[in-house]
Amino acid sequence: MRFMTFRDGVVLVAMLALLMLIVAKLNEASDDVIRGPFHAVDGDTLSSGGERLRLEGIDAPELDQICEDGGGRRWACGAEAKRHLARLVSPGETECQGHERDRYDRLLVRCHVGAVNVNGTMVREGLAIAYGLYLQEQNTARRERLRLWAGRFEDPRDWRASRGMMDGSGFLEVILDWFGRLIGWNGNDVHGQS
């Protein structure tokens, strides 16, 4: 009896994994591709020709958000994230792909400049936090104490909530966030050196 229950559980997990792979493959085929030029709205949002694009799998500090560096000095982390994203996407060969939209009708995208993954670079350079995706890049930035990880900062989602701003995460980002937290991503309200 226990063998049958275990076997049924394994079959169910395998079927769910296969279904997720099929859905992912179908979603890849239907991605919209947008090529620049792009304008950085903030550290995780771009615009192009009237279309708003939200970088998938990351969350950058809000424009007015202030963080502390390793010495306790305040710095405009939200404004710096925007400036850095603008520099990353300034080359003419920037391309963004996505198919899902968030509740604000922004296209959720993964952007590249040649072989450089813009989303992952924002996290790797310590100017955005990972939500499910880019956990390896976040671990590197955290270990090297880059920008946000050099001092203390409030999770952008918590910063928005404390000011009555709604969170713009799409369903996929919420699931990836949950999975990231399940495998060890630390989502405390206030982040600091570890």
C-alpha atoms as a PDB file:
ATOM      1  CA  MET A   1       0.000   0.000   0.000  1.00  0.00           C
ATOM      2  CA  ARG A   2       2.804   2.464   0.878  1.00  0.00           C
ATOM      3  CA  PHE A   3       4.586   1.628  -2.363  1.00  0.00           C
ATOM      4  CA  MET A   4       1.463   2.479  -4.385  1.00  0.00           C
ATOM      5  CA  THR A   5       1.056   5.817  -2.557  1.00  0.00           C
ATOM      6  CA  PHE A   6       4.718   6.662  -3.123  1.00  0.00           C
ATOM      7  CA  ARG A   7       4.511   5.596  -6.777  1.00  0.00           C
ATOM      8  CA  ASP A   8       1.353   7.668  -7.300  1.00  0.00           C
ATOM      9  CA  GLY A   9       3.075  10.677  -5.736  1.00  0.00           C
ATOM     10  CA  VAL A  10       6.116  10.289  -7.989  1.00  0.00           C
ATOM     11  CA  VAL A  11       3.895   9.969 -11.066  1.00  0.00           C
ATOM     12  CA  LEU A  12       1.943  13.080 -10.053  1.00  0.00           C
ATOM     13  CA  VAL A  13       5.122  15.117  -9.541  1.00  0.00           C
ATOM     14  CA  ALA A  14       6.515  13.911 -12.872  1.00  0.00           C
ATOM     15  CA  MET A  15       3.280  14.830 -14.659  1.00  0.00           C
ATOM     16  CA  LEU A  16       3.256  18.297 -13.089  1.00  0.00           C
ATOM     17  CA  ALA A  17       6.888  18.848 -14.085  1.00  0.00           C
ATOM     18  CA  LEU A  18       6.127  17.757 -17.652  1.00  0.00           C
ATOM     19  CA  LEU A  19       3.110  20.066 -17.775  1.00  0.00           C
ATOM     20  CA  MET A  20       5.221  22.988 -16.548  1.00  0.00           C
ATOM     21  CA  LEU A  21       7.846  22.273 -19.250  1.00  0.00           C
ATOM     22  CA  ILE A  22       5.165  22.165 -21.944  1.00  0.00           C
ATOM     23  CA  VAL A  23       3.637  25.443 -20.748  1.00  0.00           C
ATOM     24  CA  ALA A  24       7.087  27.065 -20.604  1.00  0.00           C
ATOM     25  CA  LYS A  25       7.859  25.908 -24.143  1.00  0.00           C
ATOM     26  CA  LEU A  26       4.525  27.204 -25.446  1.00  0.00           C
ATOM     27  CA  ASN A  27       5.109  30.530 -23.706  1.00  0.00           C
ATOM     28  CA  GLU A  28       8.552  30.873 -25.301  1.00  0.00           C
ATOM     29  CA  ALA A  29       7.034  30.469 -28.741  1.00  0.00           C
ATOM     30  CA  SER A  30       4.549  33.277 -28.174  1.00  0.00           C
ATOM     31  CA  ASP A  31       6.944  35.886 -26.735  1.00  0.00           C
ATOM     32  CA  ASP A  32       6.658  39.430 -28.036  1.00  0.00           C
ATOM     33  CA  VAL A  33      10.033  40.858 -29.055  1.00  0.00           C
ATOM     34  CA  ILE A  34      10.656  44.577 -28.615  1.00  0.00           C
ATOM     35  CA  ARG A  35      13.821  46.300 -29.747  1.00  0.00           C
ATOM     36  CA  GLY A  36      14.983  49.667 -28.435  1.00  0.00           C
ATOM     37  CA  PRO A  37      15.490  52.456 -28.075  1.00  0.00           C
ATOM     38  CA  PHE A  38      14.322  52.243 -24.471  1.00  0.00           C
ATOM     39  CA  HIS A  39      13.805  54.817 -21.746  1.00  0.00           C
ATOM     40  CA  ALA A  40      14.355  53.759 -18.109  1.00  0.00           C
ATOM     41  CA  VAL A  41      11.281  54.731 -16.081  1.00  0.00           C
ATOM     42  CA  ASP A  42      12.816  53.372 -12.880  1.00  0.00           C
ATOM     43  CA  GLY A  43      15.185  50.550 -11.929  1.00  0.00           C
ATOM     44  CA  ASP A  44      12.960  47.750 -13.226  1.00  0.00           C
ATOM     45  CA  THR A  45      10.660  49.416 -15.781  1.00  0.00           C
ATOM     46  CA  LEU A  46      11.380  50.511 -19.339  1.00  0.00           C
ATOM     47  CA  SER A  47       9.283  52.269 -21.944  1.00  0.00           C
ATOM     48  CA  SER A  48       9.468  52.048 -25.699  1.00  0.00           C
ATOM     49  CA  GLY A  49       7.070  53.671 -28.125  1.00  0.00           C
ATOM     50  CA  GLY A  50       4.378  54.139 -25.486  1.00  0.00           C
ATOM     51  CA  GLU A  51       4.689  50.529 -24.217  1.00  0.00           C
ATOM     52  CA  ARG A  52       5.666  49.971 -20.566  1.00  0.00           C
ATOM     53  CA  LEU A  53       7.915  46.977 -19.907  1.00  0.00           C
ATOM     54  CA  ARG A  54       8.537  45.490 -16.442  1.00  0.00           C
ATOM     55  CA  LEU A  55      11.754  43.495 -16.018  1.00  0.00           C
ATOM     56  CA  GLU A  56      10.690  39.992 -15.030  1.00  0.00           C
ATOM     57  CA  GLY A  57      12.040  38.266 -11.926  1.00  0.00           C
ATOM     58  CA  ILE A  58      13.538  41.351 -10.276  1.00  0.00           C
ATOM     59  CA  ASP A  59      12.439  44.226  -8.064  1.00  0.00           C
ATOM     60  CA  ALA A  60      14.493  47.418  -7.873  1.00  0.00           C
ATOM     61  CA  PRO A  61      14.168  50.141  -5.240  1.00  0.00           C
ATOM     62  CA  GLU A  62      11.523  52.738  -6.041  1.00  0.00           C
ATOM     63  CA  LEU A  63      12.666  56.124  -7.425  1.00  0.00           C
ATOM     64  CA  ASP A  64      12.222  57.919  -4.078  1.00  0.00           C
ATOM     65  CA  GLN A  65      13.629  55.060  -2.015  1.00  0.00           C
ATOM     66  CA  ILE A  66      16.672  55.766   0.165  1.00  0.00           C
ATOM     67  CA  CYS A  67      19.081  53.084   1.398  1.00  0.00           C
ATOM     68  CA  GLU A  68      22.099  53.075   3.727  1.00  0.00           C
ATOM     69  CA  ASP A  69      25.612  52.173   2.698  1.00  0.00           C
ATOM     70  CA  GLY A  70      28.013  50.159   4.845  1.00  0.00           C
ATOM     71  CA  GLY A  71      28.927  53.266   6.864  1.00  0.00           C
ATOM     72  CA  GLY A  72      25.310  54.169   7.619  1.00  0.00           C
ATOM     73  CA  ARG A  73      25.253  57.017   5.072  1.00  0.00           C
ATOM     74  CA  ARG A  74      22.023  57.460   3.133  1.00  0.00           C
ATOM     75  CA  TRP A  75      22.060  57.162  -0.655  1.00  0.00           C
ATOM     76  CA  ALA A  76      19.394  57.443  -3.340  1.00  0.00           C
ATOM     77  CA  CYS A  77      19.316  53.765  -4.275  1.00  0.00           C
ATOM     78  CA  GLY A  78      16.128  54.086  -6.369  1.00  0.00           C
ATOM     79  CA  ALA A  79      17.530  56.903  -8.496  1.00  0.00           C
ATOM     80  CA  GLU A  80      20.838  55.044  -8.879  1.00  0.00           C
ATOM     81  CA  ALA A  81      18.998  51.870 -10.011  1.00  0.00           C
ATOM     82  CA  LYS A  82      17.210  53.922 -12.695  1.00  0.00           C
ATOM     83  CA  ARG A  83      20.473  55.516 -13.891  1.00  0.00           C
ATOM     84  CA  HIS A  84      22.183  52.130 -14.058  1.00  0.00           C
ATOM     85  CA  LEU A  85      19.334  50.536 -16.018  1.00  0.00           C
ATOM     86  CA  ALA A  86      19.414  53.479 -18.455  1.00  0.00           C
ATOM     87  CA  ARG A  87      23.151  52.883 -19.009  1.00  0.00           C
ATOM     88  CA  LEU A  88      22.635  49.147 -19.539  1.00  0.00           C
ATOM     89  CA  VAL A  89      19.951  49.571 -22.225  1.00  0.00           C
ATOM     90  CA  SER A  90      21.497  52.555 -24.012  1.00  0.00           C
ATOM     91  CA  PRO A  91      23.265  50.490 -26.706  1.00  0.00           C
ATOM     92  CA  GLY A  92      21.171  50.134 -29.854  1.00  0.00           C
ATOM     93  CA  GLU A  93      21.113  46.329 -29.827  1.00  0.00           C
ATOM     94  CA  THR A  94      18.937  45.961 -26.689  1.00  0.00           C
ATOM     95  CA  GLU A  95      16.121  43.441 -27.146  1.00  0.00           C
ATOM     96  CA  CYS A  96      13.345  42.503 -24.704  1.00  0.00           C
ATOM     97  CA  GLN A  97      11.073  39.461 -24.843  1.00  0.00           C
ATOM     98  CA  GLY A  98       7.946  38.557 -22.930  1.00  0.00           C
ATOM     99  CA  HIS A  99       4.336  37.500 -23.215  1.00  0.00           C
ATOM    100  CA  GLU A 100       2.665  37.975 -19.815  1.00  0.00           C
ATOM    101  CA  ARG A 101       1.328  41.283 -18.517  1.00  0.00           C
ATOM    102  CA  ASP A 102       1.074  42.471 -14.928  1.00  0.00           C
ATOM    103  CA  ARG A 103      -1.982  44.098 -13.347  1.00  0.00           C
ATOM    104  CA  TYR A 104      -0.844  47.488 -14.693  1.00  0.00           C
ATOM    105  CA  ASP A 105      -0.770  46.086 -18.264  1.00  0.00           C
ATOM    106  CA  ARG A 106       3.042  46.266 -18.397  1.00  0.00           C
ATOM    107  CA  LEU A 107       4.642  43.539 -20.495  1.00  0.00           C
ATOM    108  CA  LEU A 108       6.866  41.350 -18.261  1.00  0.00           C
ATOM    109  CA  VAL A 109      10.163  40.999 -20.127  1.00  0.00           C
ATOM    110  CA  ARG A 110      13.644  39.562 -20.116  1.00  0.00           C
ATOM    111  CA  CYS A 111      16.060  41.979 -21.793  1.00  0.00           C
ATOM    112  CA  HIS A 112      19.447  41.402 -23.390  1.00  0.00           C
ATOM    113  CA  VAL A 113      22.147  43.597 -24.828  1.00  0.00           C
ATOM    114  CA  GLY A 114      23.988  41.116 -26.990  1.00  0.00           C
ATOM    115  CA  ALA A 115      24.861  38.253 -24.617  1.00  0.00           C
ATOM    116  CA  VAL A 116      24.320  40.367 -21.465  1.00  0.00           C
ATOM    117  CA  ASN A 117      21.127  39.613 -19.517  1.00  0.00           C
ATOM    118  CA  VAL A 118      19.936  43.031 -18.294  1.00  0.00           C
ATOM    119  CA  ASN A 119      17.610  41.620 -15.601  1.00  0.00           C
ATOM    120  CA  GLY A 120      20.341  39.420 -14.138  1.00  0.00           C
ATOM    121  CA  THR A 121      22.914  42.209 -14.363  1.00  0.00           C
ATOM    122  CA  MET A 122      20.746  44.565 -12.297  1.00  0.00           C
ATOM    123  CA  VAL A 123      20.605  41.900  -9.566  1.00  0.00           C
ATOM    124  CA  ARG A 124      24.267  40.874  -9.943  1.00  0.00           C
ATOM    125  CA  GLU A 125      25.403  44.479  -9.556  1.00  0.00           C
ATOM    126  CA  GLY A 126      23.356  44.930  -6.387  1.00  0.00           C
ATOM    127  CA  LEU A 127      20.725  47.347  -7.700  1.00  0.00           C
ATOM    128  CA  ALA A 128      17.722  45.015  -7.664  1.00  0.00           C
ATOM    129  CA  ILE A 129      16.630  41.991  -5.689  1.00  0.00           C
ATOM    130  CA  ALA A 130      15.654  38.653  -7.173  1.00  0.00           C
ATOM    131  CA  TYR A 131      12.138  37.304  -7.089  1.00  0.00           C
ATOM    132  CA  GLY A 132      12.493  33.621  -7.932  1.00  0.00           C
ATOM    133  CA  LEU A 133      14.781  34.187 -10.891  1.00  0.00           C
ATOM    134  CA  TYR A 134      18.402  35.364 -10.655  1.00  0.00           C
ATOM    135  CA  LEU A 135      19.038  33.911  -7.198  1.00  0.00           C
ATOM    136  CA  GLN A 136      22.604  32.983  -8.101  1.00  0.00           C
ATOM    137  CA  GLU A 137      23.293  36.574  -9.184  1.00  0.00           C
ATOM    138  CA  GLN A 138      21.785  37.847  -5.934  1.00  0.00           C
ATOM    139  CA  ASN A 139      23.907  35.481  -3.854  1.00  0.00           C
ATOM    140  CA  THR A 140      27.020  36.805  -5.608  1.00  0.00           C
ATOM    141  CA  ALA A 141      26.048  40.455  -5.063  1.00  0.00           C
ATOM    142  CA  ARG A 142      25.240  39.735  -1.439  1.00  0.00           C
ATOM    143  CA  ARG A 143      28.494  37.858  -0.836  1.00  0.00           C
ATOM    144  CA  GLU A 144      30.477  40.708  -2.436  1.00  0.00           C
ATOM    145  CA  ARG A 145      28.398  43.333  -0.553  1.00  0.00           C
ATOM    146  CA  LEU A 146      27.581  45.282  -3.687  1.00  0.00           C
ATOM    147  CA  ARG A 147      25.438  48.438  -3.486  1.00  0.00           C
ATOM    148  CA  LEU A 148      22.178  47.385  -1.749  1.00  0.00           C
ATOM    149  CA  TRP A 149      23.977  44.553  -0.006  1.00  0.00           C
ATOM    150  CA  ALA A 150      26.741  46.825   1.333  1.00  0.00           C
ATOM    151  CA  GLY A 151      24.430  48.273   3.981  1.00  0.00           C
ATOM    152  CA  ARG A 152      20.739  48.251   4.846  1.00  0.00           C
ATOM    153  CA  PHE A 153      17.655  48.629   2.691  1.00  0.00           C
ATOM    154  CA  GLU A 154      13.953  47.959   2.827  1.00  0.00           C
ATOM    155  CA  ASP A 155      12.552  45.397   0.413  1.00  0.00           C
ATOM    156  CA  PRO A 156      10.982  47.458  -2.424  1.00  0.00           C
ATOM    157  CA  ARG A 157       7.716  45.531  -2.057  1.00  0.00           C
ATOM    158  CA  ASP A 158       7.566  46.406   1.653  1.00  0.00           C
ATOM    159  CA  TRP A 159       8.572  50.013   0.908  1.00  0.00           C
ATOM    160  CA  ARG A 160       5.613  50.326  -1.502  1.00  0.00           C
ATOM    161  CA  ALA A 161       3.228  48.669   0.942  1.00  0.00           C
ATOM    162  CA  SER A 162       4.253  51.004   3.776  1.00  0.00           C
ATOM    163  CA  ARG A 163       3.351  53.956   1.565  1.00  0.00           C
ATOM    164  CA  GLY A 164       0.039  52.567   0.327  1.00  0.00           C
ATOM    165  CA  MET A 165       1.374  51.760  -3.125  1.00  0.00           C
ATOM    166  CA  MET A 166       0.091  48.580  -4.757  1.00  0.00           C
ATOM    167  CA  ASP A 167       2.498  45.850  -5.772  1.00  0.00           C
ATOM    168  CA  GLY A 168       2.731  45.252  -9.518  1.00  0.00           C
ATOM    169  CA  SER A 169       3.847  41.614  -9.418  1.00  0.00           C
ATOM    170  CA  GLY A 170       2.293  39.297 -11.956  1.00  0.00           C
ATOM    171  CA  PHE A 171       1.111  35.789 -11.170  1.00  0.00           C
ATOM    172  CA  LEU A 172       4.306  34.203 -12.482  1.00  0.00           C
ATOM    173  CA  GLU A 173       6.469  36.531 -10.357  1.00  0.00           C
ATOM    174  CA  VAL A 174       4.444  35.677  -7.244  1.00  0.00           C
ATOM    175  CA  ILE A 175       4.947  31.934  -7.888  1.00  0.00           C
ATOM    176  CA  LEU A 176       8.668  32.419  -8.573  1.00  0.00           C
ATOM    177  CA  ASP A 177       8.980  34.548  -5.439  1.00  0.00           C
ATOM    178  CA  TRP A 178       7.335  31.804  -3.391  1.00  0.00           C
ATOM    179  CA  PHE A 179       9.637  29.188  -4.906  1.00  0.00           C
ATOM    180  CA  GLY A 180      12.699  31.386  -4.283  1.00  0.00           C
ATOM    181  CA  ARG A 181      11.747  31.798  -0.649  1.00  0.00           C
ATOM    182  CA  LEU A 182      11.127  28.050  -0.387  1.00  0.00           C
ATOM    183  CA  ILE A 183      14.672  27.276  -1.514  1.00  0.00           C
ATOM    184  CA  GLY A 184      16.285  29.738   0.835  1.00  0.00           C
ATOM    185  CA  TRP A 185      15.942  33.262  -0.486  1.00  0.00           C
ATOM    186  CA  ASN A 186      15.718  35.575   2.515  1.00  0.00           C
ATOM    187  CA  GLY A 187      12.850  38.049   2.138  1.00  0.00           C
ATOM    188  CA  ASN A 188      13.076  39.930   5.439  1.00  0.00           C
ATOM    189  CA  ASP A 189      11.509  43.425   5.692  1.00  0.00           C
ATOM    190  CA  VAL A 190      14.854  45.136   6.167  1.00  0.00           C
ATOM    191  CA  HIS A 191      17.940  43.704   4.524  1.00  0.00           C
ATOM    192  CA  GLY A 192      21.359  44.238   5.903  1.00  0.00           C
ATOM    193  CA  GLN A 193      24.855  42.911   5.866  1.00  0.00           C
ATOM    194  CA  SER A 194      25.163  39.248   6.649  1.00  0.00           C
END
